Amino acid sequence: MNYLPQSLKNFLSDSAAIFVGLEVGDGVVKLREEYRLNCSRHADIKELAKARCPGRFCRPGLKDLAWEVANLRMANPKHVCMSNWENRVLDVHQIEYAYIDAFASF
């Protein structure tokens, strides 16, 4: 994808927004390198999980954390994980996957 809508750029660069997720820093780096977009505030819940439950999570994934914290079972279909997320239009499976991922991160 070579283009980001201005409304998305505004949202991602809003200093009042905090972007939370697993290894969210990787996405922040990609946005900075590929789109020259700075997301100044982000938090990695992996580090929080390791700090809150020492010894329990050495390499937690979102699926593990969602189950542990909220009894939320997440399906991770490989064909969706490995699909082209840079398509201009995402298919229904990608949208569902992204929605569940965002919900579990919240």
N, C-alpha and C. Protein backbone atom coordinates (compact mmCIF):
# COMPACT_ATOMS: atom_id res chain seq x y z
N MET A 1 0.85 -1.17 0.00
CA MET A 1 0.00 0.00 0.00
C MET A 1 0.90 1.23 0.00
N ASN A 2 0.69 2.10 -0.94
CA ASN A 2 1.51 3.29 -1.05
C ASN A 2 0.82 4.55 -0.54
N TYR A 3 -0.41 4.42 -0.13
CA TYR A 3 -1.19 5.60 0.21
C TYR A 3 -1.92 5.39 1.53
N LEU A 4 -1.85 6.37 2.40
CA LEU A 4 -2.65 6.38 3.62
C LEU A 4 -3.56 7.59 3.57
N PRO A 5 -4.86 7.40 3.82
CA PRO A 5 -5.77 8.54 3.84
C PRO A 5 -5.35 9.54 4.92
N GLN A 6 -5.59 10.81 4.67
CA GLN A 6 -5.21 11.85 5.62
C GLN A 6 -5.88 11.64 6.97
N SER A 7 -7.13 11.18 6.98
CA SER A 7 -7.83 10.95 8.25
C SER A 7 -7.12 9.89 9.08
N LEU A 8 -6.57 8.86 8.42
CA LEU A 8 -5.83 7.82 9.14
C LEU A 8 -4.50 8.37 9.65
N LYS A 9 -3.84 9.17 8.83
CA LYS A 9 -2.59 9.81 9.27
C LYS A 9 -2.83 10.68 10.49
N ASN A 10 -3.91 11.46 10.46
CA ASN A 10 -4.24 12.32 11.60
C ASN A 10 -4.46 11.50 12.86
N PHE A 11 -5.20 10.42 12.73
CA PHE A 11 -5.48 9.55 13.88
C PHE A 11 -4.20 8.93 14.42
N LEU A 12 -3.38 8.37 13.55
CA LEU A 12 -2.17 7.68 13.99
C LEU A 12 -1.14 8.63 14.59
N SER A 13 -1.14 9.87 14.17
CA SER A 13 -0.16 10.82 14.70
C SER A 13 -0.71 11.67 15.84
N ASP A 14 -1.92 11.42 16.26
CA ASP A 14 -2.54 12.16 17.36
C ASP A 14 -1.82 11.85 18.67
N SER A 15 -1.25 12.86 19.30
CA SER A 15 -0.48 12.63 20.53
C SER A 15 -1.36 12.22 21.71
N ALA A 16 -2.67 12.36 21.58
CA ALA A 16 -3.58 11.93 22.64
C ALA A 16 -3.88 10.43 22.57
N ALA A 17 -3.56 9.80 21.44
CA ALA A 17 -3.85 8.38 21.25
C ALA A 17 -2.68 7.53 21.75
N ILE A 18 -3.01 6.43 22.40
CA ILE A 18 -2.00 5.46 22.81
C ILE A 18 -2.34 4.15 22.10
N PHE A 19 -1.39 3.63 21.36
CA PHE A 19 -1.59 2.40 20.61
C PHE A 19 -1.05 1.23 21.42
N VAL A 20 -1.92 0.28 21.71
CA VAL A 20 -1.61 -0.83 22.60
C VAL A 20 -1.70 -2.13 21.83
N GLY A 21 -0.77 -3.04 22.09
CA GLY A 21 -0.81 -4.35 21.45
C GLY A 21 0.43 -5.14 21.77
N LEU A 22 0.52 -6.30 21.17
CA LEU A 22 1.70 -7.14 21.30
C LEU A 22 2.70 -6.73 20.24
N GLU A 23 3.89 -6.40 20.66
CA GLU A 23 4.96 -5.98 19.75
C GLU A 23 4.49 -4.84 18.85
N VAL A 24 3.72 -3.94 19.42
CA VAL A 24 3.18 -2.80 18.68
C VAL A 24 4.31 -1.90 18.16
N GLY A 25 5.44 -1.96 18.81
CA GLY A 25 6.59 -1.17 18.36
C GLY A 25 7.02 -1.50 16.95
N ASP A 26 6.84 -2.77 16.54
CA ASP A 26 7.18 -3.16 15.17
C ASP A 26 6.34 -2.40 14.16
N GLY A 27 5.05 -2.26 14.46
CA GLY A 27 4.16 -1.51 13.58
C GLY A 27 4.50 -0.03 13.55
N VAL A 28 4.89 0.49 14.71
CA VAL A 28 5.27 1.90 14.81
C VAL A 28 6.51 2.17 13.95
N VAL A 29 7.47 1.26 14.01
CA VAL A 29 8.69 1.40 13.20
C VAL A 29 8.34 1.35 11.71
N LYS A 30 7.47 0.41 11.33
CA LYS A 30 7.08 0.29 9.92
C LYS A 30 6.39 1.57 9.43
N LEU A 31 5.50 2.11 10.23
CA LEU A 31 4.83 3.36 9.85
C LEU A 31 5.82 4.50 9.70
N ARG A 32 6.80 4.55 10.58
CA ARG A 32 7.80 5.62 10.51
C ARG A 32 8.68 5.46 9.28
N GLU A 33 9.14 4.22 9.03
CA GLU A 33 10.06 3.99 7.91
C GLU A 33 9.39 4.06 6.55
N GLU A 34 8.17 3.52 6.45
CA GLU A 34 7.51 3.45 5.15
C GLU A 34 6.66 4.67 4.82
N TYR A 35 6.13 5.34 5.85
CA TYR A 35 5.21 6.45 5.60
C TYR A 35 5.64 7.76 6.27
N ARG A 36 6.80 7.74 6.94
CA ARG A 36 7.29 8.92 7.67
C ARG A 36 6.24 9.45 8.65
N LEU A 37 5.60 8.52 9.33
CA LEU A 37 4.53 8.83 10.25
C LEU A 37 4.97 8.49 11.66
N ASN A 38 4.84 9.42 12.58
CA ASN A 38 5.27 9.18 13.95
C ASN A 38 4.09 8.93 14.87
N CYS A 39 4.06 7.75 15.45
CA CYS A 39 3.08 7.39 16.48
C CYS A 39 3.85 7.50 17.80
N SER A 40 3.67 8.61 18.48
CA SER A 40 4.53 8.89 19.62
C SER A 40 4.23 8.05 20.85
N ARG A 41 3.01 7.59 21.02
CA ARG A 41 2.65 6.88 22.25
C ARG A 41 2.17 5.47 21.93
N HIS A 42 2.88 4.49 22.48
CA HIS A 42 2.47 3.11 22.31
C HIS A 42 2.91 2.30 23.52
N ALA A 43 2.20 1.19 23.75
CA ALA A 43 2.50 0.33 24.89
C ALA A 43 2.41 -1.12 24.46
N ASP A 44 3.38 -1.90 24.86
CA ASP A 44 3.42 -3.32 24.52
C ASP A 44 2.86 -4.12 25.69
N ILE A 45 1.73 -4.80 25.49
CA ILE A 45 1.12 -5.56 26.58
C ILE A 45 1.89 -6.82 26.91
N LYS A 46 2.79 -7.23 26.03
CA LYS A 46 3.62 -8.40 26.33
C LYS A 46 4.49 -8.11 27.55
N GLU A 47 5.09 -6.94 27.58
CA GLU A 47 5.93 -6.57 28.72
C GLU A 47 5.11 -6.44 29.99
N LEU A 48 3.90 -5.92 29.88
CA LEU A 48 3.02 -5.81 31.03
C LEU A 48 2.66 -7.19 31.57
N ALA A 49 2.34 -8.13 30.68
CA ALA A 49 2.00 -9.49 31.10
C ALA A 49 3.18 -10.15 31.80
N LYS A 50 4.37 -9.98 31.26
CA LYS A 50 5.55 -10.58 31.88
C LYS A 50 5.83 -9.94 33.25
N ALA A 51 5.58 -8.64 33.37
CA ALA A 51 5.81 -7.96 34.64
C ALA A 51 4.77 -8.34 35.69
N ARG A 52 3.52 -8.48 35.26
CA ARG A 52 2.44 -8.82 36.20
C ARG A 52 2.46 -10.27 36.63
N CYS A 53 2.91 -11.14 35.76
CA CYS A 53 2.93 -12.59 36.04
C CYS A 53 4.31 -13.15 35.76
N PRO A 54 5.32 -12.79 36.57
CA PRO A 54 6.67 -13.26 36.29
C PRO A 54 6.74 -14.78 36.30
N GLY A 55 7.44 -15.32 35.33
CA GLY A 55 7.59 -16.76 35.22
C GLY A 55 6.44 -17.45 34.51
N ARG A 56 5.30 -16.81 34.43
CA ARG A 56 4.14 -17.43 33.79
C ARG A 56 4.14 -17.22 32.28
N PHE A 57 4.53 -16.05 31.86
CA PHE A 57 4.58 -15.72 30.45
C PHE A 57 6.00 -15.33 30.08
N CYS A 58 6.72 -16.22 29.42
CA CYS A 58 8.04 -15.80 28.96
C CYS A 58 7.93 -15.24 27.54
N ARG A 59 7.05 -15.81 26.74
CA ARG A 59 6.80 -15.30 25.38
C ARG A 59 5.31 -15.35 25.09
N PRO A 60 4.52 -14.54 25.77
CA PRO A 60 3.07 -14.63 25.59
C PRO A 60 2.63 -14.13 24.22
N GLY A 61 1.64 -14.80 23.68
CA GLY A 61 1.00 -14.34 22.47
C GLY A 61 -0.35 -13.76 22.83
N LEU A 62 -0.94 -13.03 21.92
CA LEU A 62 -2.24 -12.43 22.20
C LEU A 62 -3.28 -13.49 22.49
N LYS A 63 -3.21 -14.60 21.79
CA LYS A 63 -4.15 -15.70 22.00
C LYS A 63 -4.07 -16.19 23.45
N ASP A 64 -2.85 -16.37 23.97
CA ASP A 64 -2.66 -16.82 25.35
C ASP A 64 -3.18 -15.79 26.35
N LEU A 65 -2.85 -14.55 26.11
CA LEU A 65 -3.28 -13.49 27.03
C LEU A 65 -4.80 -13.32 27.02
N ALA A 66 -5.41 -13.40 25.85
CA ALA A 66 -6.86 -13.25 25.76
C ALA A 66 -7.56 -14.36 26.54
N TRP A 67 -7.03 -15.56 26.46
CA TRP A 67 -7.62 -16.68 27.19
C TRP A 67 -7.41 -16.50 28.70
N GLU A 68 -6.22 -16.15 29.10
CA GLU A 68 -5.88 -16.02 30.51
C GLU A 68 -6.65 -14.88 31.18
N VAL A 69 -6.76 -13.76 30.51
CA VAL A 69 -7.36 -12.58 31.12
C VAL A 69 -8.88 -12.55 30.97
N ALA A 70 -9.40 -12.96 29.80
CA ALA A 70 -10.82 -12.76 29.52
C ALA A 70 -11.56 -14.04 29.11
N ASN A 71 -10.90 -15.19 29.21
CA ASN A 71 -11.51 -16.45 28.75
C ASN A 71 -12.00 -16.34 27.31
N LEU A 72 -11.28 -15.56 26.51
CA LEU A 72 -11.62 -15.35 25.11
C LEU A 72 -10.78 -16.28 24.24
N ARG A 73 -11.47 -17.16 23.53
CA ARG A 73 -10.76 -18.06 22.62
C ARG A 73 -10.63 -17.38 21.27
N MET A 74 -9.40 -17.35 20.78
CA MET A 74 -9.14 -16.71 19.49
C MET A 74 -8.69 -17.76 18.49
N ALA A 75 -9.30 -17.76 17.33
CA ALA A 75 -8.84 -18.62 16.25
C ALA A 75 -7.78 -17.84 15.47
N ASN A 76 -6.73 -18.52 15.10
CA ASN A 76 -5.66 -17.88 14.32
C ASN A 76 -5.46 -18.65 13.02
N PRO A 77 -6.41 -18.58 12.09
CA PRO A 77 -6.25 -19.33 10.85
C PRO A 77 -5.00 -18.86 10.09
N LYS A 78 -4.13 -19.81 9.78
CA LYS A 78 -2.87 -19.48 9.11
C LYS A 78 -3.11 -18.78 7.78
N HIS A 79 -4.15 -19.22 7.03
CA HIS A 79 -4.38 -18.61 5.72
C HIS A 79 -4.73 -17.13 5.85
N VAL A 80 -5.29 -16.74 6.98
CA VAL A 80 -5.60 -15.33 7.19
C VAL A 80 -4.36 -14.60 7.69
N CYS A 81 -3.67 -15.20 8.66
CA CYS A 81 -2.43 -14.57 9.19
C CYS A 81 -1.44 -14.29 8.08
N MET A 82 -1.31 -15.23 7.17
CA MET A 82 -0.29 -15.14 6.12
C MET A 82 -0.80 -14.48 4.84
N SER A 83 -2.03 -13.98 4.86
CA SER A 83 -2.59 -13.35 3.66
C SER A 83 -1.98 -11.96 3.45
N ASN A 84 -2.31 -11.35 2.35
CA ASN A 84 -1.73 -10.05 2.00
C ASN A 84 -2.47 -8.93 2.73
N TRP A 85 -1.86 -8.45 3.80
CA TRP A 85 -2.46 -7.39 4.61
C TRP A 85 -2.20 -6.01 4.01
N GLU A 86 -1.49 -5.95 2.92
CA GLU A 86 -1.24 -4.66 2.28
C GLU A 86 -2.17 -4.42 1.10
N ASN A 87 -3.13 -5.33 0.89
CA ASN A 87 -4.14 -5.09 -0.14
C ASN A 87 -4.90 -3.81 0.19
N ARG A 88 -5.30 -3.11 -0.82
CA ARG A 88 -6.07 -1.87 -0.62
C ARG A 88 -7.41 -2.17 0.04
N VAL A 89 -8.00 -3.32 -0.30
CA VAL A 89 -9.27 -3.75 0.30
C VAL A 89 -9.04 -5.10 0.97
N LEU A 90 -9.34 -5.19 2.26
CA LEU A 90 -9.20 -6.44 2.99
C LEU A 90 -10.45 -7.29 2.79
N ASP A 91 -10.27 -8.62 2.81
CA ASP A 91 -11.44 -9.48 2.68
C ASP A 91 -12.11 -9.64 4.05
N VAL A 92 -13.27 -10.27 4.07
CA VAL A 92 -14.06 -10.38 5.29
C VAL A 92 -13.31 -11.14 6.39
N HIS A 93 -12.49 -12.13 6.03
CA HIS A 93 -11.74 -12.89 7.02
C HIS A 93 -10.65 -12.03 7.67
N GLN A 94 -10.01 -11.19 6.88
CA GLN A 94 -8.99 -10.29 7.42
C GLN A 94 -9.63 -9.25 8.35
N ILE A 95 -10.77 -8.73 7.96
CA ILE A 95 -11.47 -7.74 8.79
C ILE A 95 -11.88 -8.37 10.12
N GLU A 96 -12.42 -9.58 10.06
CA GLU A 96 -12.81 -10.28 11.29
C GLU A 96 -11.60 -10.53 12.18
N TYR A 97 -10.51 -10.97 11.60
CA TYR A 97 -9.28 -11.24 12.34
C TYR A 97 -8.78 -9.95 13.01
N ALA A 98 -8.76 -8.85 12.27
CA ALA A 98 -8.29 -7.58 12.81
C ALA A 98 -9.21 -7.09 13.93
N TYR A 99 -10.50 -7.28 13.76
CA TYR A 99 -11.46 -6.86 14.78
C TYR A 99 -11.24 -7.64 16.08
N ILE A 100 -11.11 -8.95 15.97
CA ILE A 100 -10.91 -9.78 17.16
C ILE A 100 -9.58 -9.44 17.82
N ASP A 101 -8.55 -9.22 17.02
CA ASP A 101 -7.24 -8.84 17.53
C ASP A 101 -7.33 -7.51 18.30
N ALA A 102 -8.02 -6.54 17.73
CA ALA A 102 -8.18 -5.24 18.39
C ALA A 102 -9.00 -5.37 19.67
N PHE A 103 -10.06 -6.16 19.62
CA PHE A 103 -10.91 -6.37 20.80
C PHE A 103 -10.11 -7.03 21.92
N ALA A 104 -9.33 -8.04 21.58
CA ALA A 104 -8.53 -8.75 22.59
C ALA A 104 -7.46 -7.84 23.17
N SER A 105 -6.93 -6.93 22.38
CA SER A 105 -5.91 -6.00 22.87
C SER A 105 -6.50 -4.96 23.81
N PHE A 106 -7.79 -4.66 23.63
CA PHE A 106 -8.44 -3.63 24.43
C PHE A 106 -8.66 -4.14 25.83
